[in-house]
PDB file of N, CA and C in Angstrom:
ATOM      1  N   MET A   1      10.715  -2.820 -20.579  1.00  0.00           N
ATOM      2  CA  MET A   1      11.085  -2.812 -19.425  1.00  0.00           C
ATOM      3  C   MET A   1      10.378  -3.623 -18.464  1.00  0.00           C
ATOM      4  N   ILE A   2      10.730  -4.459 -17.282  1.00  0.00           N
ATOM      5  CA  ILE A   2      10.051  -5.292 -16.745  1.00  0.00           C
ATOM      6  C   ILE A   2      10.522  -4.740 -15.144  1.00  0.00           C
ATOM      7  N   GLY A   3       9.664  -4.207 -14.339  1.00  0.00           N
ATOM      8  CA  GLY A   3      10.181  -3.931 -12.926  1.00  0.00           C
ATOM      9  C   GLY A   3       9.281  -4.428 -11.890  1.00  0.00           C
ATOM     10  N   GLN A   4       9.855  -4.485 -10.741  1.00  0.00           N
ATOM     11  CA  GLN A   4       9.265  -5.017  -9.468  1.00  0.00           C
ATOM     12  C   GLN A   4       8.425  -3.835  -8.846  1.00  0.00           C
ATOM     13  N   HIS A   5       7.568  -3.255  -9.399  1.00  0.00           N
ATOM     14  CA  HIS A   5       6.765  -2.044  -9.044  1.00  0.00           C
ATOM     15  C   HIS A   5       5.409  -2.649  -9.138  1.00  0.00           C
ATOM     16  N   SER A   6       4.246  -1.671  -8.401  1.00  0.00           N
ATOM     17  CA  SER A   6       3.009  -2.048  -8.712  1.00  0.00           C
ATOM     18  C   SER A   6       2.484  -1.171  -9.909  1.00  0.00           C
ATOM     19  N   LYS A   7       1.417  -1.632 -10.471  1.00  0.00           N
ATOM     20  CA  LYS A   7       0.595  -1.246 -11.607  1.00  0.00           C
ATOM     21  C   LYS A   7       0.537   0.479 -11.499  1.00  0.00           C
ATOM     22  N   VAL A   8       0.061   0.783 -10.261  1.00  0.00           N
ATOM     23  CA  VAL A   8       0.066   2.388 -10.270  1.00  0.00           C
ATOM     24  C   VAL A   8       1.322   3.197 -10.336  1.00  0.00           C
ATOM     25  N   GLU A   9       2.561   2.443  -9.587  1.00  0.00           N
ATOM     26  CA  GLU A   9       3.917   3.239  -9.855  1.00  0.00           C
ATOM     27  C   GLU A   9       4.342   2.975 -11.267  1.00  0.00           C
ATOM     28  N   PHE A  10       3.950   1.856 -11.836  1.00  0.00           N
ATOM     29  CA  PHE A  10       4.532   2.036 -13.600  1.00  0.00           C
ATOM     30  C   PHE A  10       3.578   3.098 -14.149  1.00  0.00           C
ATOM     31  N   TYR A  11       2.445   2.947 -14.178  1.00  0.00           N
ATOM     32  CA  TYR A  11       1.651   4.142 -14.913  1.00  0.00           C
ATOM     33  C   TYR A  11       2.235   5.362 -14.542  1.00  0.00           C
ATOM     34  N   ASN A  12       2.224   5.888 -13.190  1.00  0.00           N
ATOM     35  CA  ASN A  12       2.823   7.200 -12.990  1.00  0.00           C
ATOM     36  C   ASN A  12       4.272   7.234 -13.672  1.00  0.00           C
ATOM     37  N   MET A  13       5.094   6.482 -13.333  1.00  0.00           N
ATOM     38  CA  MET A  13       6.453   6.566 -14.066  1.00  0.00           C
ATOM     39  C   MET A  13       6.379   6.867 -15.546  1.00  0.00           C
ATOM     40  N   TRP A  14       5.445   5.960 -16.120  1.00  0.00           N
ATOM     41  CA  TRP A  14       5.360   6.083 -17.668  1.00  0.00           C
ATOM     42  C   TRP A  14       4.661   7.443 -18.118  1.00  0.00           C
ATOM     43  N   LYS A  15       3.779   7.942 -17.110  1.00  0.00           N
ATOM     44  CA  LYS A  15       3.198   9.101 -17.452  1.00  0.00           C
ATOM     45  C   LYS A  15       3.879  10.245 -17.460  1.00  0.00           C
ATOM     46  N   ILE A  16       4.670  10.334 -16.143  1.00  0.00           N
ATOM     47  CA  ILE A  16       5.608  11.575 -15.669  1.00  0.00           C
ATOM     48  C   ILE A  16       6.587  11.635 -16.982  1.00  0.00           C
ATOM     49  N   LYS A  17       7.351  10.328 -17.186  1.00  0.00           N
ATOM     50  CA  LYS A  17       8.479  10.318 -18.206  1.00  0.00           C
ATOM     51  C   LYS A  17       8.377  10.337 -19.522  1.00  0.00           C
ATOM     52  N   ASP A  18       7.131  10.024 -19.798  1.00  0.00           N
ATOM     53  CA  ASP A  18       6.464   9.820 -21.126  1.00  0.00           C
ATOM     54  C   ASP A  18       7.527   8.901 -22.013  1.00  0.00           C
ATOM     55  N   LEU A  19       7.717   7.661 -21.630  1.00  0.00           N
ATOM     56  CA  LEU A  19       8.647   6.723 -21.936  1.00  0.00           C
ATOM     57  C   LEU A  19       8.068   6.012 -23.221  1.00  0.00           C
ATOM     58  N   PRO A  20       9.021   5.662 -24.162  1.00  0.00           N
ATOM     59  CA  PRO A  20       8.306   5.429 -25.660  1.00  0.00           C
ATOM     60  C   PRO A  20       8.413   3.945 -25.851  1.00  0.00           C
ATOM     61  N   PHE A  21       8.377   3.356 -24.627  1.00  0.00           N
ATOM     62  CA  PHE A  21       8.353   1.639 -24.922  1.00  0.00           C
ATOM     63  C   PHE A  21       7.404   1.057 -23.694  1.00  0.00           C
ATOM     64  N   ILE A  22       7.196  -0.142 -23.933  1.00  0.00           N
ATOM     65  CA  ILE A  22       6.249  -0.847 -22.889  1.00  0.00           C
ATOM     66  C   ILE A  22       6.917  -1.244 -21.467  1.00  0.00           C
ATOM     67  N   GLY A  23       6.200  -1.045 -20.646  1.00  0.00           N
ATOM     68  CA  GLY A  23       6.422  -1.385 -19.304  1.00  0.00           C
ATOM     69  C   GLY A  23       5.484  -2.745 -18.850  1.00  0.00           C
ATOM     70  N   LEU A  24       6.390  -3.533 -18.054  1.00  0.00           N
ATOM     71  CA  LEU A  24       5.420  -4.354 -17.406  1.00  0.00           C
ATOM     72  C   LEU A  24       5.882  -4.514 -15.797  1.00  0.00           C
ATOM     73  N   PRO A  25       4.536  -4.155 -15.125  1.00  0.00           N
ATOM     74  CA  PRO A  25       5.019  -4.360 -13.491  1.00  0.00           C
ATOM     75  C   PRO A  25       4.795  -5.800 -13.070  1.00  0.00           C
ATOM     76  N   ASP A  26       5.947  -6.225 -12.396  1.00  0.00           N
ATOM     77  CA  ASP A  26       6.001  -7.457 -11.881  1.00  0.00           C
ATOM     78  C   ASP A  26       6.206  -7.553 -10.531  1.00  0.00           C
ATOM     79  N   GLU A  27       5.378  -6.852  -9.780  1.00  0.00           N
ATOM     80  CA  GLU A  27       5.428  -6.767  -8.403  1.00  0.00           C
ATOM     81  C   GLU A  27       5.578  -8.007  -7.473  1.00  0.00           C
ATOM     82  N   LYS A  28       4.812  -9.138  -7.997  1.00  0.00           N
ATOM     83  CA  LYS A  28       4.984 -10.593  -7.517  1.00  0.00           C
ATOM     84  C   LYS A  28       6.372 -11.008  -7.999  1.00  0.00           C
ATOM     85  N   GLU A  29       7.116 -10.832  -8.748  1.00  0.00           N
ATOM     86  CA  GLU A  29       8.290 -11.199  -9.356  1.00  0.00           C
ATOM     87  C   GLU A  29       8.143 -12.597 -10.281  1.00  0.00           C
ATOM     88  N   LYS A  30       7.132 -12.838 -10.953  1.00  0.00           N
ATOM     89  CA  LYS A  30       6.761 -14.065 -11.433  1.00  0.00           C
ATOM     90  C   LYS A  30       7.640 -14.095 -12.663  1.00  0.00           C
ATOM     91  N   VAL A  31       7.720 -12.938 -13.418  1.00  0.00           N
ATOM     92  CA  VAL A  31       8.389 -12.992 -14.761  1.00  0.00           C
ATOM     93  C   VAL A  31      10.065 -12.919 -14.359  1.00  0.00           C
ATOM     94  N   ALA A  32      10.397 -12.180 -13.477  1.00  0.00           N
ATOM     95  CA  ALA A  32      11.675 -12.247 -13.185  1.00  0.00           C
ATOM     96  C   ALA A  32      12.102 -13.718 -12.670  1.00  0.00           C
ATOM     97  N   LYS A  33      11.403 -14.599 -11.912  1.00  0.00           N
ATOM     98  CA  LYS A  33      11.726 -15.940 -11.537  1.00  0.00           C
ATOM     99  C   LYS A  33      11.651 -16.674 -12.921  1.00  0.00           C
ATOM    100  N   LEU A  34      10.982 -16.497 -13.733  1.00  0.00           N
ATOM    101  CA  LEU A  34      10.976 -17.374 -15.029  1.00  0.00           C
ATOM    102  C   LEU A  34      12.097 -17.288 -15.770  1.00  0.00           C
ATOM    103  N   TYR A  35      12.577 -16.103 -15.766  1.00  0.00           N
ATOM    104  CA  TYR A  35      13.854 -15.630 -16.342  1.00  0.00           C
ATOM    105  C   TYR A  35      15.132 -15.581 -15.522  1.00  0.00           C
ATOM    106  N   ASN A  36      14.914 -16.383 -14.497  1.00  0.00           N
ATOM    107  CA  ASN A  36      15.941 -16.800 -13.531  1.00  0.00           C
ATOM    108  C   ASN A  36      16.639 -15.194 -13.366  1.00  0.00           C
ATOM    109  N   GLN A  37      16.289 -14.059 -13.125  1.00  0.00           N
ATOM    110  CA  GLN A  37      16.909 -13.097 -12.767  1.00  0.00           C
ATOM    111  C   GLN A  37      17.504 -13.048 -11.362  1.00  0.00           C
ATOM    112  N   ARG A  38      18.892 -12.714 -11.255  1.00  0.00           N
ATOM    113  CA  ARG A  38      19.788 -13.020 -10.316  1.00  0.00           C
ATOM    114  C   ARG A  38      19.095 -11.794  -9.020  1.00  0.00           C
ATOM    115  N   VAL A  39      19.309 -12.319  -7.808  1.00  0.00           N
ATOM    116  CA  VAL A  39      19.128 -11.197  -6.714  1.00  0.00           C
ATOM    117  C   VAL A  39      20.355 -11.426  -5.751  1.00  0.00           C
ATOM    118  N   ILE A  40      20.994 -10.313  -5.634  1.00  0.00           N
ATOM    119  CA  ILE A  40      22.067  -9.897  -4.998  1.00  0.00           C
ATOM    120  C   ILE A  40      21.889  -8.589  -3.783  1.00  0.00           C
ATOM    121  N   PHE A  41      21.589  -9.363  -2.764  1.00  0.00           N
ATOM    122  CA  PHE A  41      21.264  -7.982  -1.689  1.00  0.00           C
ATOM    123  C   PHE A  41      22.106  -7.074  -1.558  1.00  0.00           C
ATOM    124  N   GLU A  42      23.599  -7.448  -1.561  1.00  0.00           N
ATOM    125  CA  GLU A  42      24.415  -6.374  -1.361  1.00  0.00           C
ATOM    126  C   GLU A  42      24.488  -5.264  -2.386  1.00  0.00           C
ATOM    127  N   LYS A  43      23.726  -5.619  -3.478  1.00  0.00           N
ATOM    128  CA  LYS A  43      23.868  -4.686  -4.557  1.00  0.00           C
ATOM    129  C   LYS A  43      22.389  -4.030  -4.852  1.00  0.00           C
ATOM    130  N   ARG A  44      21.645  -4.193  -3.715  1.00  0.00           N
ATOM    131  CA  ARG A  44      19.999  -3.416  -3.870  1.00  0.00           C
ATOM    132  C   ARG A  44      19.212  -4.222  -4.513  1.00  0.00           C
ATOM    133  N   GLY A  45      19.246  -5.621  -4.564  1.00  0.00           N
ATOM    134  CA  GLY A  45      18.229  -6.368  -5.131  1.00  0.00           C
ATOM    135  C   GLY A  45      18.708  -7.152  -6.479  1.00  0.00           C
ATOM    136  N   ARG A  46      17.697  -7.076  -7.288  1.00  0.00           N
ATOM    137  CA  ARG A  46      17.865  -7.638  -8.948  1.00  0.00           C
ATOM    138  C   ARG A  46      18.783  -6.844  -9.533  1.00  0.00           C
ATOM    139  N   LEU A  47      19.625  -7.838 -10.102  1.00  0.00           N
ATOM    140  CA  LEU A  47      20.497  -7.263 -11.246  1.00  0.00           C
ATOM    141  C   LEU A  47      19.957  -7.209 -12.467  1.00  0.00           C
ATOM    142  N   PRO A  48      20.223  -6.137 -13.186  1.00  0.00           N
ATOM    143  CA  PRO A  48      19.446  -6.083 -14.575  1.00  0.00           C
ATOM    144  C   PRO A  48      19.851  -7.138 -15.627  1.00  0.00           C
ATOM    145  N   ALA A  49      18.882  -7.721 -16.388  1.00  0.00           N
ATOM    146  CA  ALA A  49      19.199  -8.503 -17.466  1.00  0.00           C
ATOM    147  C   ALA A  49      18.471  -8.027 -18.712  1.00  0.00           C
ATOM    148  N   LEU A  50      19.055  -8.354 -19.767  1.00  0.00           N
ATOM    149  CA  LEU A  50      18.718  -7.913 -21.039  1.00  0.00           C
ATOM    150  C   LEU A  50      18.341  -8.992 -22.241  1.00  0.00           C
ATOM    151  N   PHE A  51      17.051  -9.084 -22.549  1.00  0.00           N
ATOM    152  CA  PHE A  51      16.692 -10.137 -23.403  1.00  0.00           C
ATOM    153  C   PHE A  51      16.145  -9.737 -24.824  1.00  0.00           C
ATOM    154  N   LEU A  52      16.509 -10.327 -26.011  1.00  0.00           N
ATOM    155  CA  LEU A  52      15.975 -10.096 -27.178  1.00  0.00           C
ATOM    156  C   LEU A  52      15.078 -11.185 -27.383  1.00  0.00           C
ATOM    157  N   VAL A  53      13.812 -11.039 -27.915  1.00  0.00           N
ATOM    158  CA  VAL A  53      12.879 -12.073 -28.083  1.00  0.00           C
ATOM    159  C   VAL A  53      12.732 -12.122 -29.527  1.00  0.00           C
ATOM    160  N   ASP A  54      12.673 -13.158 -30.369  1.00  0.00           N
ATOM    161  CA  ASP A  54      12.335 -13.289 -31.902  1.00  0.00           C
ATOM    162  C   ASP A  54      10.761 -13.609 -32.184  1.00  0.00           C
ATOM    163  N   GLN A  55      10.442 -13.411 -33.288  1.00  0.00           N
ATOM    164  CA  GLN A  55       8.897 -13.172 -33.496  1.00  0.00           C
ATOM    165  C   GLN A  55       8.314 -14.451 -33.290  1.00  0.00           C
ATOM    166  N   SER A  56       8.951 -15.680 -32.927  1.00  0.00           N
ATOM    167  CA  SER A  56       8.347 -16.680 -32.449  1.00  0.00           C
ATOM    168  C   SER A  56       7.821 -16.820 -30.842  1.00  0.00           C
ATOM    169  N   GLY A  57       8.851 -15.671 -30.193  1.00  0.00           N
ATOM    170  CA  GLY A  57       8.511 -15.394 -28.638  1.00  0.00           C
ATOM    171  C   GLY A  57       9.576 -16.411 -27.858  1.00  0.00           C
ATOM    172  N   ALA A  58      10.451 -17.065 -28.720  1.00  0.00           N
ATOM    173  CA  ALA A  58      11.918 -17.660 -27.875  1.00  0.00           C
ATOM    174  C   ALA A  58      12.828 -16.646 -27.793  1.00  0.00           C
ATOM    175  N   VAL A  59      13.409 -16.767 -26.826  1.00  0.00           N
ATOM    176  CA  VAL A  59      14.759 -15.829 -26.358  1.00  0.00           C
ATOM    177  C   VAL A  59      15.845 -16.209 -27.143  1.00  0.00           C
ATOM    178  N   ALA A  60      16.117 -15.107 -28.303  1.00  0.00           N
ATOM    179  CA  ALA A  60      17.336 -15.156 -28.837  1.00  0.00           C
ATOM    180  C   ALA A  60      18.555 -14.783 -28.665  1.00  0.00           C
ATOM    181  N   PHE A  61      18.465 -13.913 -27.396  1.00  0.00           N
ATOM    182  CA  PHE A  61      19.978 -13.445 -26.953  1.00  0.00           C
ATOM    183  C   PHE A  61      19.471 -12.994 -25.377  1.00  0.00           C
ATOM    184  N   ALA A  62      20.369 -13.365 -24.543  1.00  0.00           N
ATOM    185  CA  ALA A  62      20.136 -12.961 -23.056  1.00  0.00           C
ATOM    186  C   ALA A  62      21.450 -12.666 -22.402  1.00  0.00           C
ATOM    187  N   HIS A  63      21.378 -11.533 -21.890  1.00  0.00           N
ATOM    188  CA  HIS A  63      22.593 -11.303 -20.990  1.00  0.00           C
ATOM    189  C   HIS A  63      22.067 -11.050 -19.483  1.00  0.00           C
ATOM    190  N   TYR A  64      22.860 -11.695 -18.636  1.00  0.00           N
ATOM    191  CA  TYR A  64      22.411 -11.203 -17.301  1.00  0.00           C
ATOM    192  C   TYR A  64      23.749 -10.363 -16.660  1.00  0.00           C
ATOM    193  N   CYS A  65      23.393  -9.362 -16.313  1.00  0.00           N
ATOM    194  CA  CYS A  65      24.355  -8.156 -15.881  1.00  0.00           C
ATOM    195  C   CYS A  65      25.221  -8.913 -14.547  1.00  0.00           C
ATOM    196  N   SER A  66      26.365  -8.565 -14.191  1.00  0.00           N
ATOM    197  CA  SER A  66      26.883  -8.900 -13.091  1.00  0.00           C
ATOM    198  C   SER A  66      27.034  -7.764 -12.039  1.00  0.00           C
ATOM    199  N   ASN A  67      26.707  -6.318 -12.752  1.00  0.00           N
ATOM    200  CA  ASN A  67      26.448  -5.332 -11.930  1.00  0.00           C
ATOM    201  C   ASN A  67      25.582  -4.428 -12.555  1.00  0.00           C
ATOM    202  N   MET A  68      25.532  -3.379 -11.944  1.00  0.00           N
ATOM    203  CA  MET A  68      24.435  -2.274 -12.572  1.00  0.00           C
ATOM    204  C   MET A  68      24.901  -1.661 -13.863  1.00  0.00           C
ATOM    205  N   TYR A  69      25.973  -1.449 -13.885  1.00  0.00           N
ATOM    206  CA  TYR A  69      26.977  -0.892 -15.073  1.00  0.00           C
ATOM    207  C   TYR A  69      27.093  -1.962 -16.346  1.00  0.00           C
ATOM    208  N   ASP A  70      27.033  -3.249 -16.315  1.00  0.00           N
ATOM    209  CA  ASP A  70      27.201  -4.428 -16.987  1.00  0.00           C
ATOM    210  C   ASP A  70      26.261  -4.261 -18.166  1.00  0.00           C
ATOM    211  N   ILE A  71      26.117  -3.545 -19.110  1.00  0.00           N
ATOM    212  CA  ILE A  71      25.367  -3.660 -20.115  1.00  0.00           C
ATOM    213  C   ILE A  71      25.996  -3.815 -21.467  1.00  0.00           C
ATOM    214  N   PRO A  72      25.561  -4.713 -22.339  1.00  0.00           N
ATOM    215  CA  PRO A  72      26.096  -5.137 -23.474  1.00  0.00           C
ATOM    216  C   PRO A  72      26.246  -4.056 -24.457  1.00  0.00           C
ATOM    217  N   ALA A  73      27.405  -4.074 -25.233  1.00  0.00           N
ATOM    218  CA  ALA A  73      27.474  -3.002 -26.061  1.00  0.00           C
ATOM    219  C   ALA A  73      26.617  -3.101 -27.308  1.00  0.00           C
ATOM    220  N   ASN A  74      26.513  -1.719 -27.755  1.00  0.00           N
ATOM    221  CA  ASN A  74      25.691  -1.444 -28.857  1.00  0.00           C
ATOM    222  C   ASN A  74      25.877  -2.652 -30.202  1.00  0.00           C
ATOM    223  N   ASP A  75      26.983  -2.640 -30.621  1.00  0.00           N
ATOM    224  CA  ASP A  75      27.423  -3.524 -31.597  1.00  0.00           C
ATOM    225  C   ASP A  75      26.928  -4.833 -31.322  1.00  0.00           C
ATOM    226  N   LYS A  76      27.070  -5.478 -30.246  1.00  0.00           N
ATOM    227  CA  LYS A  76      26.726  -6.839 -29.699  1.00  0.00           C
ATOM    228  C   LYS A  76      25.181  -7.026 -29.817  1.00  0.00           C
ATOM    229  N   LEU A  77      24.560  -6.130 -29.616  1.00  0.00           N
ATOM    230  CA  LEU A  77      22.874  -6.044 -29.501  1.00  0.00           C
ATOM    231  C   LEU A  77      22.642  -6.107 -30.951  1.00  0.00           C
ATOM    232  N   LEU A  78      23.274  -5.194 -31.859  1.00  0.00           N
ATOM    233  CA  LEU A  78      22.888  -4.927 -33.021  1.00  0.00           C
ATOM    234  C   LEU A  78      23.287  -6.080 -34.060  1.00  0.00           C
ATOM    235  N   GLN A  79      24.118  -6.865 -33.709  1.00  0.00           N
ATOM    236  CA  GLN A  79      24.766  -8.199 -34.239  1.00  0.00           C
ATOM    237  C   GLN A  79      23.712  -9.315 -33.952  1.00  0.00           C
ATOM    238  N   ALA A  80      23.266  -9.425 -32.842  1.00  0.00           N
ATOM    239  CA  ALA A  80      22.186 -10.140 -32.308  1.00  0.00           C
ATOM    240  C   ALA A  80      20.712 -10.190 -32.974  1.00  0.00           C
ATOM    241  N   LEU A  81      20.441  -8.834 -33.129  1.00  0.00           N
ATOM    242  CA  LEU A  81      19.317  -8.339 -33.952  1.00  0.00           C
ATOM    243  C   LEU A  81      19.538  -8.726 -35.294  1.00  0.00           C
ATOM    244  N   ASP A  82      20.456  -8.695 -35.929  1.00  0.00           N
ATOM    245  CA  ASP A  82      20.685  -9.043 -37.445  1.00  0.00           C
ATOM    246  C   ASP A  82      20.364 -10.641 -37.663  1.00  0.00           C
ATOM    247  N   GLN A  83      21.023 -11.301 -36.608  1.00  0.00           N
ATOM    248  CA  GLN A  83      20.899 -12.624 -36.442  1.00  0.00           C
ATOM    249  C   GLN A  83      19.375 -13.109 -36.504  1.00  0.00           C
ATOM    250  N   ILE A  84      18.450 -12.174 -35.561  1.00  0.00           N
ATOM    251  CA  ILE A  84      17.261 -12.752 -35.419  1.00  0.00           C
ATOM    252  C   ILE A  84      16.476 -12.615 -36.844  1.00  0.00           C
ATOM    253  N   LYS A  85      16.688 -11.498 -37.229  1.00  0.00           N
ATOM    254  CA  LYS A  85      16.213 -11.082 -38.634  1.00  0.00           C
ATOM    255  C   LYS A  85      16.548 -11.810 -39.681  1.00  0.00           C
ATOM    256  N   SER A  86      17.620 -12.763 -39.594  1.00  0.00           N
ATOM    257  CA  SER A  86      17.733 -13.679 -40.904  1.00  0.00           C
ATOM    258  C   SER A  86      17.335 -15.203 -40.490  1.00  0.00           C
TER     259      SER A  86
END
C-alpha cells in the first residue's frame, strides 16, 4: 500500500491495525506521480490504483480506478498473477 501520509502516520496505522503487508508513505507524492495516479478533487483526492509488479520490477498489470469502488475482480487479478508466474 502506498499512501500520501507521513512516515509517523503510516507507522502508527500499521502498529494499530497490525497490517500484514508493506506500506510506503508517499507524503510528497513522488511515487503517485511516477505511476500517473489520477487526482479528482470532487472525489476527495487521488483515486486508487492497483499494480502487479513482476520479479524483474516491471509493471505486469495496472488498473486505474474510476471511483473508490472500482476494484478489479479477484479472478482477473488471479489470471494476471498466473501470467506473471509463467
